[in-house]
Protein backbone atom coordinates (compact mmCIF):
# COMPACT_ATOMS: atom_id res chain seq x y z
CA MET A 1 97.58 -222.87 184.99
CA ASN A 2 95.02 -220.12 184.38
CA LEU A 3 92.58 -220.20 181.51
CA LYS A 4 94.28 -217.16 179.99
CA GLN A 5 97.67 -218.90 179.95
CA LYS A 6 96.14 -221.96 178.28
CA ASN A 7 94.59 -219.80 175.57
CA PHE A 8 97.90 -218.01 175.00
CA ASP A 9 99.77 -221.32 174.70
CA LYS A 10 97.26 -222.61 172.16
CA ILE A 11 97.25 -219.50 169.94
CA ILE A 12 100.68 -217.89 170.47
CA THR A 13 102.82 -220.87 169.53
CA LYS A 14 106.39 -220.94 168.31
CA GLU A 15 105.29 -221.75 164.76
CA PHE A 16 102.83 -218.82 164.76
CA LEU A 17 105.43 -216.29 165.92
CA TYR A 18 108.12 -217.63 163.56
CA ARG A 19 105.74 -217.49 160.57
CA GLU A 20 104.40 -213.98 161.33
CA TYR A 21 107.58 -212.32 162.56
CA VAL A 22 110.42 -213.99 160.65
CA ILE A 23 108.89 -215.21 157.36
CA LYS A 24 106.25 -212.50 156.81
CA GLU A 25 108.44 -209.85 158.55
CA LYS A 26 105.57 -208.29 160.47
CA SER A 27 106.24 -205.95 163.36
CA LEU A 28 105.16 -206.55 166.95
CA CYS A 29 102.48 -203.86 166.65
CA LYS A 30 100.86 -205.59 163.67
CA ILE A 31 100.91 -208.98 165.38
CA LEU A 32 99.33 -207.42 168.49
CA LYS A 33 96.54 -205.84 166.43
CA GLU A 34 95.71 -209.16 164.83
CA LEU A 35 95.70 -210.97 168.17
CA ASN A 36 93.56 -208.32 169.90
CA LYS A 37 90.75 -208.95 167.44
CA SER A 38 90.17 -212.40 168.95
CA MET A 39 91.71 -212.02 172.43
CA LYS A 40 93.28 -209.46 174.74
CA CYS A 41 97.04 -209.55 174.55
CA SER A 42 99.74 -207.13 175.73
CA ASN A 43 103.20 -206.28 174.47
CA SER A 44 104.86 -207.84 177.52
CA VAL A 45 103.20 -211.22 176.82
CA LEU A 46 104.67 -211.30 173.31
CA LYS A 47 108.14 -210.40 174.58
CA THR A 48 108.06 -213.25 177.11
CA ARG A 49 107.02 -215.66 174.33
CA PHE A 50 109.94 -214.54 172.18
CA GLN A 51 112.34 -215.24 175.06
CA LYS A 52 110.67 -218.56 175.82
CA TYR A 53 110.93 -219.84 172.21
CA ASN A 54 114.41 -218.27 171.62
CA ILE A 55 113.29 -216.31 168.55
CA PRO A 56 115.82 -213.52 167.83
CA ARG A 57 114.31 -210.06 167.48
CA ARG A 58 115.22 -207.56 164.77
CA LYS A 59 117.31 -204.52 165.69
CA ASN A 60 115.33 -201.43 164.74
CA ARG A 61 118.26 -199.12 164.00
CA SER A 62 119.52 -196.93 161.15
CA GLN A 63 118.04 -198.03 157.78
CA ASN A 64 115.72 -200.61 159.39
CA ASN A 65 114.01 -197.88 161.45
CA PRO A 66 110.82 -196.55 159.74
CA ASN A 67 111.62 -193.04 161.08
CA TYR A 68 115.09 -193.04 159.50
CA LYS A 69 115.83 -189.84 157.53
CA ASP A 70 119.27 -189.72 155.87
CA GLY A 71 121.02 -190.37 159.18
CA ARG A 72 120.23 -186.92 160.62
CA SER A 73 119.42 -188.33 164.07
CA ILE A 74 122.66 -190.37 164.13
CA ASN A 75 125.04 -187.64 163.00
CA LYS A 76 125.75 -184.99 165.65
CA SER A 77 124.76 -181.39 164.87
CA PHE A 78 126.14 -178.32 166.64
CA CYS A 79 124.90 -174.78 167.38
CA GLU A 80 126.70 -171.52 166.52
CA CYS A 81 128.09 -171.42 170.07
CA GLY A 82 129.64 -174.89 169.66
CA LYS A 83 127.25 -176.84 171.88
CA GLU A 84 125.48 -179.97 170.68
CA LYS A 85 121.84 -179.58 169.61
CA SER A 86 118.99 -181.62 168.21
CA TYR A 87 118.97 -182.08 164.42
CA LYS A 88 115.42 -180.66 164.29
CA SER A 89 116.18 -177.32 166.03
CA LYS A 90 118.29 -174.43 164.75
CA TYR A 91 119.83 -173.49 168.11
CA CYS A 92 120.70 -175.13 171.42
CA MET A 93 118.53 -174.63 174.54
CA ILE A 94 120.52 -171.60 175.78
CA CYS A 95 120.84 -169.77 172.44
CA SER A 96 117.15 -170.32 171.65
CA HIS A 97 116.18 -168.12 174.66
CA ILE A 98 118.53 -165.15 174.14
CA GLY A 99 117.48 -161.74 172.79
CA LYS A 100 114.78 -161.75 170.13
CA ARG A 101 114.47 -165.55 170.32
CA ASN A 102 113.14 -165.24 173.88
CA PRO A 103 109.30 -165.44 173.95
CA ASN A 104 109.24 -162.62 176.56
CA TYR A 105 111.28 -160.24 174.36
CA LYS A 106 109.61 -156.82 173.86
CA HIS A 107 111.60 -154.59 171.49
CA GLY A 108 114.71 -154.71 173.68
CA LEU A 109 113.15 -152.63 176.46
CA THR A 110 113.71 -155.15 179.26
CA TYR A 111 116.87 -153.52 180.68
CA GLU A 112 117.08 -150.03 179.15
CA LYS A 113 115.74 -148.01 182.10
CA ILE A 114 117.85 -146.50 184.88
CA CYS A 115 116.79 -146.08 188.50
CA LYS A 116 114.82 -142.88 189.23
CA ALA A 117 116.97 -141.93 192.22
CA LYS A 118 119.44 -139.12 191.49
CA ASP A 119 122.39 -140.75 193.26
CA CYS A 120 121.83 -144.19 191.70
CA GLN A 121 122.54 -145.21 188.11
CA LYS A 122 121.75 -148.90 188.28
CA LYS A 123 119.86 -150.57 185.46
CA VAL A 124 116.27 -151.45 186.29
CA SER A 125 113.65 -153.76 184.82
CA TYR A 126 111.37 -152.11 182.26
CA TYR A 127 108.35 -152.41 184.58
CA ASN A 128 110.04 -150.95 187.73
CA GLU A 129 110.97 -147.39 188.68
CA TYR A 130 113.55 -147.96 191.44
CA CYS A 131 116.22 -150.57 192.06
CA ARG A 132 115.94 -152.87 195.07
CA ASP A 133 118.13 -150.73 197.39
CA CYS A 134 116.47 -147.43 196.48
CA TYR A 135 113.00 -148.95 196.80
CA LYS A 136 113.77 -149.71 200.46
CA ARG A 137 114.88 -146.11 201.03
CA PHE A 138 111.89 -144.43 199.36
CA HIS A 139 109.18 -146.80 200.69
CA VAL A 140 109.86 -146.72 204.43
CA GLY A 141 107.72 -144.96 207.05
CA GLU A 142 105.31 -142.30 205.76
CA LYS A 143 106.30 -142.97 202.15
CA CYS A 144 105.02 -146.57 202.34
CA TYR A 145 101.56 -147.19 200.88
CA GLN A 146 100.60 -149.19 204.00
CA TRP A 147 101.47 -146.37 206.42
CA GLU A 148 98.77 -145.78 209.06
CA GLY A 149 100.21 -143.12 211.31
CA GLY A 150 102.78 -145.37 213.00
CA LYS A 151 100.36 -147.79 214.71
CA SER A 152 102.90 -150.59 214.64
CA PHE A 153 105.29 -148.56 216.83
CA GLU A 154 102.71 -148.04 219.59
CA PRO A 155 103.53 -150.00 222.79
CA TYR A 156 101.24 -152.68 224.22
CA THR A 157 99.38 -151.96 227.45
CA ILE A 158 100.04 -153.64 230.80
CA ASP A 159 96.81 -155.64 230.50
CA PHE A 160 98.25 -157.53 227.51
CA SER A 161 100.25 -159.85 229.78
CA ASN A 162 101.57 -163.38 229.32
CA ARG A 163 98.82 -164.68 231.61
CA LEU A 164 96.15 -163.21 229.32
CA LYS A 165 97.83 -164.67 226.23
CA GLU A 166 97.95 -168.13 227.78
CA ALA A 167 94.26 -167.85 228.72
CA ILE A 168 93.36 -166.99 225.08
CA ARG A 169 95.43 -169.93 223.78
CA ASP A 170 93.72 -172.30 226.23
CA ARG A 171 90.31 -170.93 225.22
CA ASP A 172 91.09 -171.69 221.55
CA ASN A 173 92.38 -175.21 222.46
CA ARG A 174 95.91 -174.30 221.31
CA ILE A 175 94.75 -174.30 217.67
CA CYS A 176 95.16 -171.59 215.02
CA GLN A 177 91.70 -170.19 214.36
CA LEU A 178 92.44 -169.60 210.65
CA CYS A 179 94.30 -172.63 209.27
CA GLY A 180 93.59 -175.11 212.11
CA ILE A 181 97.19 -176.15 212.85
CA LYS A 182 97.91 -177.31 216.40
CA GLU A 183 100.51 -175.69 218.64
CA GLU A 184 102.18 -179.08 219.17
CA LYS A 185 103.30 -179.22 215.52
CA LEU A 186 104.81 -175.73 215.71
CA LYS A 187 108.14 -175.09 217.42
CA ARG A 188 106.81 -171.92 219.05
CA LYS A 189 103.68 -170.66 220.79
CA LEU A 190 100.71 -169.26 218.89
CA ASP A 191 100.45 -165.50 218.43
CA VAL A 192 97.59 -163.58 220.02
CA HIS A 193 96.05 -161.16 217.53
CA HIS A 194 93.94 -158.02 218.19
CA ILE A 195 90.88 -158.29 215.95
CA ASP A 196 90.27 -154.52 215.63
CA TYR A 197 94.06 -153.78 215.49
CA ASP A 198 93.75 -151.60 218.62
CA LYS A 199 96.52 -152.52 221.04
CA LYS A 200 94.69 -150.84 223.94
CA ASN A 201 91.58 -153.01 223.54
CA CYS A 202 92.57 -156.17 225.45
CA ASP A 203 89.08 -157.59 225.92
CA GLU A 204 88.94 -161.37 225.45
CA SER A 205 86.34 -161.02 222.67
CA ASN A 206 88.86 -158.85 220.77
CA LEU A 207 91.69 -161.41 220.97
CA ILE A 208 92.23 -164.55 218.91
CA SER A 209 95.10 -167.03 218.60
CA LEU A 210 96.86 -167.44 215.23
CA CYS A 211 100.03 -169.07 213.95
CA ARG A 212 102.83 -166.88 212.65
CA SER A 213 102.05 -167.34 208.95
CA CYS A 214 98.34 -166.56 209.41
CA HIS A 215 99.21 -163.60 211.62
CA GLY A 216 101.33 -162.23 208.77
CA LYS A 217 98.38 -162.52 206.37
CA THR A 218 96.27 -160.26 208.59
CA GLN A 219 98.64 -157.30 208.05
CA LYS A 220 96.96 -156.68 204.67
CA ASN A 221 93.26 -156.14 203.94
CA LYS A 222 92.62 -155.22 207.58
CA LYS A 223 88.94 -154.37 207.03
CA TYR A 224 88.29 -157.83 205.62
CA TRP A 225 90.03 -159.61 208.49
CA THR A 226 88.23 -157.59 211.19
CA LYS A 227 84.85 -158.57 209.71
CA HIS A 228 85.96 -162.17 209.26
CA PHE A 229 87.10 -162.67 212.87
CA LYS A 230 84.19 -160.72 214.39
CA ASN A 231 81.69 -162.94 212.55
CA LYS A 232 83.61 -165.99 213.73
CA THR A 233 83.60 -164.92 217.40
CA THR A 234 79.91 -163.93 217.35
CA GLY A 235 79.00 -167.25 215.70
CA ALA A 236 80.88 -169.18 218.39
CA LYS A 237 79.10 -167.25 221.16
CA ASP A 238 75.66 -167.91 219.63
CA GLY A 239 76.49 -171.63 219.42
CA LYS A 240 77.42 -171.75 223.11
CA LYS A 241 74.20 -169.95 224.11
CA SER A 242 72.06 -172.36 222.10
CA THR A 243 73.68 -175.38 223.79
CA THR A 244 73.11 -173.92 227.24
């Protein structure tokens, strides 16, 4: 037996628990506080002692519960819609988030607007101008804010061959140069990205291997990504020169 168990057996006896819990009608929390002044004791230790000495525990329900308030928690209460709710709240979970009760409610203007397109009369969110279908129609091609003269439709040159792509992937050790994921973990080959976004410039210093998700990130903030990858390639070259 451990020293702790011996101390518990000496102090937490059957007579002690019966006197404090049954005769004096103290709660487990009060007994624990008194014991913790002289020794460290947990709630689980007391429960095991109660089972060991076969001392019946009080049922803390209804009137015996210190949080009892006229039986409100026992009696079921219902919302206006007929669903059961907590006795503390006025409405159920669904009714408490409808209309003016919703914390995001703003004077009923959430669905009052109509789509700007002449042919369409669909209701639109208060913060939008077009519905989803009309947005696709009016933001394609030259109307799109990312339009750059149709660069994406330009064909690749003959120099941008599969042999060149494989050479770039081997140079980068089959690893994405942005997130660092290996080609083995992916179910497809790494993409080869043009750093200056010029499809005609197929110089090896202008090419870098990226995974599909990182390649998608580079379609925005193109000026930032060109600087980022150029600094990375120049830094790698300087490192190789210093080693040689």
